[in-house]
Amino acid sequence: QVQLVESGGGLVQAGGSLRLSCVASKTIFSINSMGWYRQAPGKERELVAFITSGGSTNYGDSVKGRFTISRDNTKNTVLLQMNSLKPEDTAVYYCNAVYRNINYWGQGTQVTVSS
């Protein structure tokens, strides 16, 4: 089992920045990949970004060049730095971990970008 605790969501104006944090209950070296997904009202959950245990990253097309995923191994934490936020980034952001081929999810954190 992997427990994930997210923090860092909130309300920001368009063009602003936020940083999301996700703390895992296991050392992230043992987790195949960790990342972020988001879900806006009436839409399907979509990939934002993920980072593998080897350090490879992947981003959704809509956030490339604006968001950066990183990890702090000493704190079992994955970070998502979100810059140049747009109103269309408004969603609930969920931390995800893939451990032993099982997906684990955090409770979600709301990000709201006002125009």
N, C-alpha and C. Protein backbone atom coordinates (compact mmCIF):
# COMPACT_ATOMS: atom_id res chain seq x y z
N GLN A 1 0.83 -1.20 0.00
CA GLN A 1 0.00 0.00 0.00
C GLN A 1 0.87 1.25 0.00
N VAL A 2 0.38 2.26 -0.70
CA VAL A 2 1.06 3.56 -0.73
C VAL A 2 0.03 4.63 -0.40
N GLN A 3 0.30 5.40 0.61
CA GLN A 3 -0.54 6.56 0.92
C GLN A 3 0.11 7.81 0.35
N LEU A 4 -0.72 8.67 -0.20
CA LEU A 4 -0.25 9.90 -0.83
C LEU A 4 -0.99 11.08 -0.22
N VAL A 5 -0.24 12.08 0.17
CA VAL A 5 -0.84 13.27 0.75
C VAL A 5 -0.40 14.48 -0.05
N GLU A 6 -1.38 15.18 -0.62
CA GLU A 6 -1.12 16.34 -1.46
C GLU A 6 -1.31 17.63 -0.68
N SER A 7 -0.63 18.66 -1.15
CA SER A 7 -0.82 20.00 -0.60
C SER A 7 -0.40 21.01 -1.65
N GLY A 8 -0.81 22.26 -1.44
CA GLY A 8 -0.33 23.34 -2.29
C GLY A 8 -1.34 23.93 -3.25
N GLY A 9 -2.53 23.38 -3.31
CA GLY A 9 -3.53 23.96 -4.21
C GLY A 9 -4.03 25.29 -3.68
N GLY A 10 -4.86 25.94 -4.49
CA GLY A 10 -5.42 27.22 -4.06
C GLY A 10 -5.94 28.02 -5.22
N LEU A 11 -6.16 29.30 -4.94
CA LEU A 11 -6.68 30.23 -5.93
C LEU A 11 -5.57 31.17 -6.36
N VAL A 12 -5.42 31.34 -7.67
CA VAL A 12 -4.38 32.21 -8.21
C VAL A 12 -4.91 32.90 -9.45
N GLN A 13 -4.39 34.06 -9.74
CA GLN A 13 -4.77 34.77 -10.96
C GLN A 13 -4.04 34.20 -12.16
N ALA A 14 -4.65 34.37 -13.31
CA ALA A 14 -4.00 33.93 -14.54
C ALA A 14 -2.62 34.56 -14.66
N GLY A 15 -1.66 33.74 -15.09
CA GLY A 15 -0.28 34.18 -15.20
C GLY A 15 0.54 33.91 -13.95
N GLY A 16 -0.13 33.53 -12.88
CA GLY A 16 0.56 33.27 -11.63
C GLY A 16 1.13 31.86 -11.55
N SER A 17 1.64 31.54 -10.36
CA SER A 17 2.30 30.25 -10.14
C SER A 17 1.79 29.59 -8.86
N LEU A 18 1.85 28.28 -8.86
CA LEU A 18 1.58 27.48 -7.67
C LEU A 18 2.53 26.30 -7.69
N ARG A 19 2.78 25.75 -6.50
CA ARG A 19 3.57 24.53 -6.42
C ARG A 19 2.81 23.50 -5.60
N LEU A 20 2.62 22.35 -6.20
CA LEU A 20 1.96 21.24 -5.52
C LEU A 20 2.99 20.27 -4.98
N SER A 21 2.69 19.70 -3.82
CA SER A 21 3.56 18.69 -3.22
C SER A 21 2.77 17.42 -2.96
N CYS A 22 3.44 16.30 -3.11
CA CYS A 22 2.83 15.00 -2.82
C CYS A 22 3.85 14.19 -2.02
N VAL A 23 3.47 13.84 -0.81
CA VAL A 23 4.34 13.05 0.05
C VAL A 23 3.84 11.61 0.05
N ALA A 24 4.75 10.69 -0.22
CA ALA A 24 4.42 9.26 -0.27
C ALA A 24 4.81 8.58 1.04
N SER A 25 4.07 7.52 1.37
CA SER A 25 4.35 6.80 2.61
C SER A 25 5.49 5.81 2.47
N LYS A 26 5.95 5.60 1.23
CA LYS A 26 7.09 4.72 0.98
C LYS A 26 8.21 5.52 0.33
N THR A 27 9.42 5.00 0.46
CA THR A 27 10.52 5.64 -0.24
C THR A 27 10.24 5.63 -1.73
N ILE A 28 10.38 6.78 -2.36
CA ILE A 28 9.98 6.87 -3.77
C ILE A 28 10.94 6.14 -4.70
N PHE A 29 12.08 5.71 -4.19
CA PHE A 29 12.95 4.87 -5.00
C PHE A 29 12.27 3.56 -5.36
N SER A 30 11.37 3.10 -4.48
CA SER A 30 10.72 1.81 -4.69
C SER A 30 9.46 1.92 -5.54
N ILE A 31 9.07 3.13 -5.90
CA ILE A 31 7.85 3.36 -6.66
C ILE A 31 8.19 3.55 -8.13
N ASN A 32 7.52 2.80 -9.00
CA ASN A 32 7.86 2.82 -10.42
C ASN A 32 7.77 4.23 -11.01
N SER A 33 6.66 4.90 -10.72
CA SER A 33 6.53 6.27 -11.20
C SER A 33 5.55 7.02 -10.29
N MET A 34 5.73 8.31 -10.26
CA MET A 34 4.81 9.19 -9.53
C MET A 34 4.48 10.36 -10.42
N GLY A 35 3.27 10.84 -10.26
CA GLY A 35 2.89 11.95 -11.12
C GLY A 35 1.62 12.63 -10.68
N TRP A 36 1.14 13.47 -11.55
CA TRP A 36 -0.05 14.26 -11.31
C TRP A 36 -1.02 14.12 -12.47
N TYR A 37 -2.28 13.98 -12.11
CA TYR A 37 -3.38 14.01 -13.06
C TYR A 37 -4.34 15.10 -12.59
N ARG A 38 -5.20 15.53 -13.49
CA ARG A 38 -6.19 16.53 -13.10
C ARG A 38 -7.53 16.21 -13.74
N GLN A 39 -8.57 16.71 -13.08
CA GLN A 39 -9.91 16.50 -13.58
C GLN A 39 -10.72 17.76 -13.37
N ALA A 40 -11.18 18.33 -14.47
CA ALA A 40 -12.04 19.50 -14.43
C ALA A 40 -13.50 19.04 -14.47
N PRO A 41 -14.42 19.86 -14.00
CA PRO A 41 -15.84 19.47 -13.99
C PRO A 41 -16.31 19.08 -15.39
N GLY A 42 -16.95 17.93 -15.48
CA GLY A 42 -17.50 17.47 -16.74
C GLY A 42 -16.49 16.90 -17.72
N LYS A 43 -15.24 16.79 -17.28
CA LYS A 43 -14.19 16.27 -18.15
C LYS A 43 -13.55 15.02 -17.55
N GLU A 44 -12.87 14.27 -18.40
CA GLU A 44 -12.17 13.08 -17.93
C GLU A 44 -10.86 13.48 -17.26
N ARG A 45 -10.40 12.58 -16.39
CA ARG A 45 -9.10 12.80 -15.75
C ARG A 45 -8.00 12.71 -16.82
N GLU A 46 -7.06 13.63 -16.77
CA GLU A 46 -5.99 13.66 -17.77
C GLU A 46 -4.63 13.75 -17.11
N LEU A 47 -3.63 13.25 -17.83
CA LEU A 47 -2.26 13.31 -17.35
C LEU A 47 -1.76 14.75 -17.36
N VAL A 48 -1.11 15.14 -16.26
CA VAL A 48 -0.39 16.41 -16.22
C VAL A 48 1.10 16.14 -16.42
N ALA A 49 1.66 15.29 -15.56
CA ALA A 49 3.08 14.97 -15.67
C ALA A 49 3.38 13.78 -14.79
N PHE A 50 4.42 13.02 -15.15
CA PHE A 50 4.91 11.99 -14.25
C PHE A 50 6.42 11.90 -14.34
N ILE A 51 7.00 11.30 -13.30
CA ILE A 51 8.44 11.09 -13.23
C ILE A 51 8.67 9.67 -12.77
N THR A 52 9.57 8.97 -13.44
CA THR A 52 9.83 7.58 -13.10
C THR A 52 10.91 7.48 -12.02
N SER A 53 11.08 6.27 -11.51
CA SER A 53 12.12 6.06 -10.51
C SER A 53 13.50 6.33 -11.08
N GLY A 54 13.62 6.22 -12.40
CA GLY A 54 14.89 6.51 -13.05
C GLY A 54 15.09 7.98 -13.37
N GLY A 55 14.05 8.78 -13.12
CA GLY A 55 14.19 10.22 -13.35
C GLY A 55 13.63 10.72 -14.67
N SER A 56 13.11 9.84 -15.49
CA SER A 56 12.51 10.28 -16.75
C SER A 56 11.19 10.97 -16.48
N THR A 57 10.91 11.98 -17.29
CA THR A 57 9.68 12.73 -17.11
C THR A 57 8.84 12.73 -18.38
N ASN A 58 7.55 12.96 -18.19
CA ASN A 58 6.64 13.06 -19.32
C ASN A 58 5.55 14.07 -18.94
N TYR A 59 5.13 14.89 -19.90
CA TYR A 59 4.15 15.93 -19.64
C TYR A 59 2.99 15.86 -20.62
N GLY A 60 1.82 16.25 -20.13
CA GLY A 60 0.70 16.43 -21.04
C GLY A 60 0.96 17.60 -21.96
N ASP A 61 0.43 17.54 -23.17
CA ASP A 61 0.72 18.57 -24.17
C ASP A 61 0.32 19.96 -23.70
N SER A 62 -0.76 20.05 -22.94
CA SER A 62 -1.28 21.36 -22.57
C SER A 62 -0.43 22.06 -21.51
N VAL A 63 0.50 21.35 -20.88
CA VAL A 63 1.29 21.97 -19.81
C VAL A 63 2.77 22.04 -20.15
N LYS A 64 3.17 21.48 -21.26
CA LYS A 64 4.59 21.49 -21.63
C LYS A 64 5.11 22.92 -21.70
N GLY A 65 6.28 23.10 -21.10
CA GLY A 65 6.90 24.42 -21.11
C GLY A 65 6.43 25.33 -19.99
N ARG A 66 5.37 24.92 -19.28
CA ARG A 66 4.85 25.74 -18.17
C ARG A 66 4.99 25.05 -16.83
N PHE A 67 4.85 23.74 -16.81
CA PHE A 67 4.90 22.96 -15.57
C PHE A 67 6.18 22.15 -15.53
N THR A 68 6.69 21.93 -14.32
CA THR A 68 7.89 21.13 -14.12
C THR A 68 7.67 20.18 -12.96
N ILE A 69 7.91 18.90 -13.20
CA ILE A 69 7.81 17.91 -12.14
C ILE A 69 9.21 17.56 -11.66
N SER A 70 9.34 17.38 -10.37
CA SER A 70 10.64 17.01 -9.79
C SER A 70 10.38 16.21 -8.54
N ARG A 71 11.45 15.70 -7.97
CA ARG A 71 11.27 14.91 -6.76
C ARG A 71 12.38 15.20 -5.76
N ASP A 72 12.04 15.05 -4.52
CA ASP A 72 13.01 15.17 -3.42
C ASP A 72 13.05 13.81 -2.74
N ASN A 73 14.08 13.04 -3.06
CA ASN A 73 14.15 11.67 -2.56
C ASN A 73 14.29 11.63 -1.04
N THR A 74 14.92 12.65 -0.48
CA THR A 74 15.14 12.64 0.97
C THR A 74 13.84 12.82 1.75
N LYS A 75 12.82 13.38 1.08
CA LYS A 75 11.55 13.64 1.74
C LYS A 75 10.41 12.81 1.16
N ASN A 76 10.74 11.86 0.27
CA ASN A 76 9.71 11.03 -0.39
C ASN A 76 8.62 11.91 -0.99
N THR A 77 9.04 12.97 -1.64
CA THR A 77 8.11 13.99 -2.13
C THR A 77 8.30 14.23 -3.61
N VAL A 78 7.19 14.39 -4.30
CA VAL A 78 7.20 14.81 -5.69
C VAL A 78 6.54 16.19 -5.76
N LEU A 79 7.17 17.07 -6.51
CA LEU A 79 6.72 18.45 -6.62
C LEU A 79 6.25 18.74 -8.04
N LEU A 80 5.27 19.60 -8.15
CA LEU A 80 4.82 20.08 -9.45
C LEU A 80 4.82 21.60 -9.41
N GLN A 81 5.76 22.20 -10.09
CA GLN A 81 5.82 23.65 -10.20
C GLN A 81 5.00 24.08 -11.41
N MET A 82 4.01 24.91 -11.15
CA MET A 82 3.10 25.34 -12.21
C MET A 82 3.25 26.84 -12.42
N ASN A 83 3.72 27.21 -13.59
CA ASN A 83 3.91 28.61 -13.93
C ASN A 83 2.99 29.01 -15.08
N SER A 84 2.84 30.30 -15.25
CA SER A 84 2.00 30.84 -16.35
C SER A 84 0.64 30.16 -16.38
N LEU A 85 0.02 30.09 -15.23
CA LEU A 85 -1.26 29.38 -15.12
C LEU A 85 -2.35 30.08 -15.92
N LYS A 86 -3.24 29.26 -16.45
CA LYS A 86 -4.36 29.73 -17.27
C LYS A 86 -5.67 29.29 -16.62
N PRO A 87 -6.75 29.98 -16.93
CA PRO A 87 -8.05 29.55 -16.37
C PRO A 87 -8.37 28.09 -16.71
N GLU A 88 -7.93 27.62 -17.86
CA GLU A 88 -8.21 26.23 -18.25
C GLU A 88 -7.41 25.22 -17.46
N ASP A 89 -6.49 25.68 -16.61
CA ASP A 89 -5.78 24.77 -15.71
C ASP A 89 -6.60 24.48 -14.45
N THR A 90 -7.72 25.16 -14.30
CA THR A 90 -8.57 24.94 -13.14
C THR A 90 -9.08 23.50 -13.12
N ALA A 91 -8.84 22.82 -12.00
CA ALA A 91 -9.21 21.41 -11.87
C ALA A 91 -8.85 20.93 -10.48
N VAL A 92 -9.29 19.72 -10.18
CA VAL A 92 -8.76 19.02 -9.02
C VAL A 92 -7.55 18.22 -9.48
N TYR A 93 -6.45 18.42 -8.80
CA TYR A 93 -5.18 17.75 -9.15
C TYR A 93 -4.96 16.59 -8.20
N TYR A 94 -4.69 15.42 -8.78
CA TYR A 94 -4.52 14.20 -8.02
C TYR A 94 -3.09 13.68 -8.17
N CYS A 95 -2.49 13.35 -7.05
CA CYS A 95 -1.19 12.69 -7.08
C CYS A 95 -1.41 11.20 -7.36
N ASN A 96 -0.52 10.63 -8.15
CA ASN A 96 -0.61 9.23 -8.53
C ASN A 96 0.73 8.54 -8.30
N ALA A 97 0.65 7.29 -7.88
CA ALA A 97 1.86 6.47 -7.75
C ALA A 97 1.56 5.09 -8.33
N VAL A 98 2.50 4.58 -9.07
CA VAL A 98 2.39 3.21 -9.60
C VAL A 98 3.41 2.36 -8.85
N TYR A 99 2.90 1.43 -8.06
CA TYR A 99 3.76 0.60 -7.22
C TYR A 99 3.34 -0.84 -7.39
N ARG A 100 4.26 -1.65 -7.86
CA ARG A 100 3.97 -3.07 -8.12
C ARG A 100 2.75 -3.20 -9.02
N ASN A 101 2.71 -2.36 -10.06
CA ASN A 101 1.66 -2.39 -11.10
C ASN A 101 0.27 -2.01 -10.58
N ILE A 102 0.22 -1.39 -9.42
CA ILE A 102 -1.05 -0.93 -8.89
C ILE A 102 -1.03 0.59 -8.81
N ASN A 103 -2.10 1.23 -9.23
CA ASN A 103 -2.23 2.68 -9.16
C ASN A 103 -2.78 3.09 -7.80
N TYR A 104 -2.12 4.07 -7.20
CA TYR A 104 -2.59 4.65 -5.95
C TYR A 104 -2.83 6.14 -6.19
N TRP A 105 -3.84 6.67 -5.49
CA TRP A 105 -4.24 8.06 -5.70
C TRP A 105 -4.33 8.81 -4.38
N GLY A 106 -3.98 10.08 -4.45
CA GLY A 106 -4.22 10.96 -3.32
C GLY A 106 -5.66 11.43 -3.33
N GLN A 107 -5.97 12.26 -2.34
CA GLN A 107 -7.36 12.71 -2.19
C GLN A 107 -7.71 13.87 -3.11
N GLY A 108 -6.71 14.48 -3.70
CA GLY A 108 -6.93 15.58 -4.62
C GLY A 108 -6.81 16.94 -3.96
N THR A 109 -6.35 17.91 -4.73
CA THR A 109 -6.25 19.28 -4.24
C THR A 109 -6.76 20.22 -5.34
N GLN A 110 -7.57 21.17 -4.95
CA GLN A 110 -8.21 22.06 -5.91
C GLN A 110 -7.26 23.17 -6.33
N VAL A 111 -7.17 23.38 -7.63
CA VAL A 111 -6.45 24.52 -8.20
C VAL A 111 -7.46 25.33 -9.00
N THR A 112 -7.57 26.61 -8.66
CA THR A 112 -8.49 27.49 -9.37
C THR A 112 -7.72 28.69 -9.89
N VAL A 113 -7.83 28.93 -11.18
CA VAL A 113 -7.13 30.04 -11.82
C VAL A 113 -8.18 31.02 -12.33
N SER A 114 -8.14 32.23 -11.80
CA SER A 114 -9.12 33.25 -12.20
C SER A 114 -8.58 34.08 -13.35
N SER A 115 -9.50 34.52 -14.19
CA SER A 115 -9.09 35.31 -15.36
C SER A 115 -9.04 36.80 -15.04
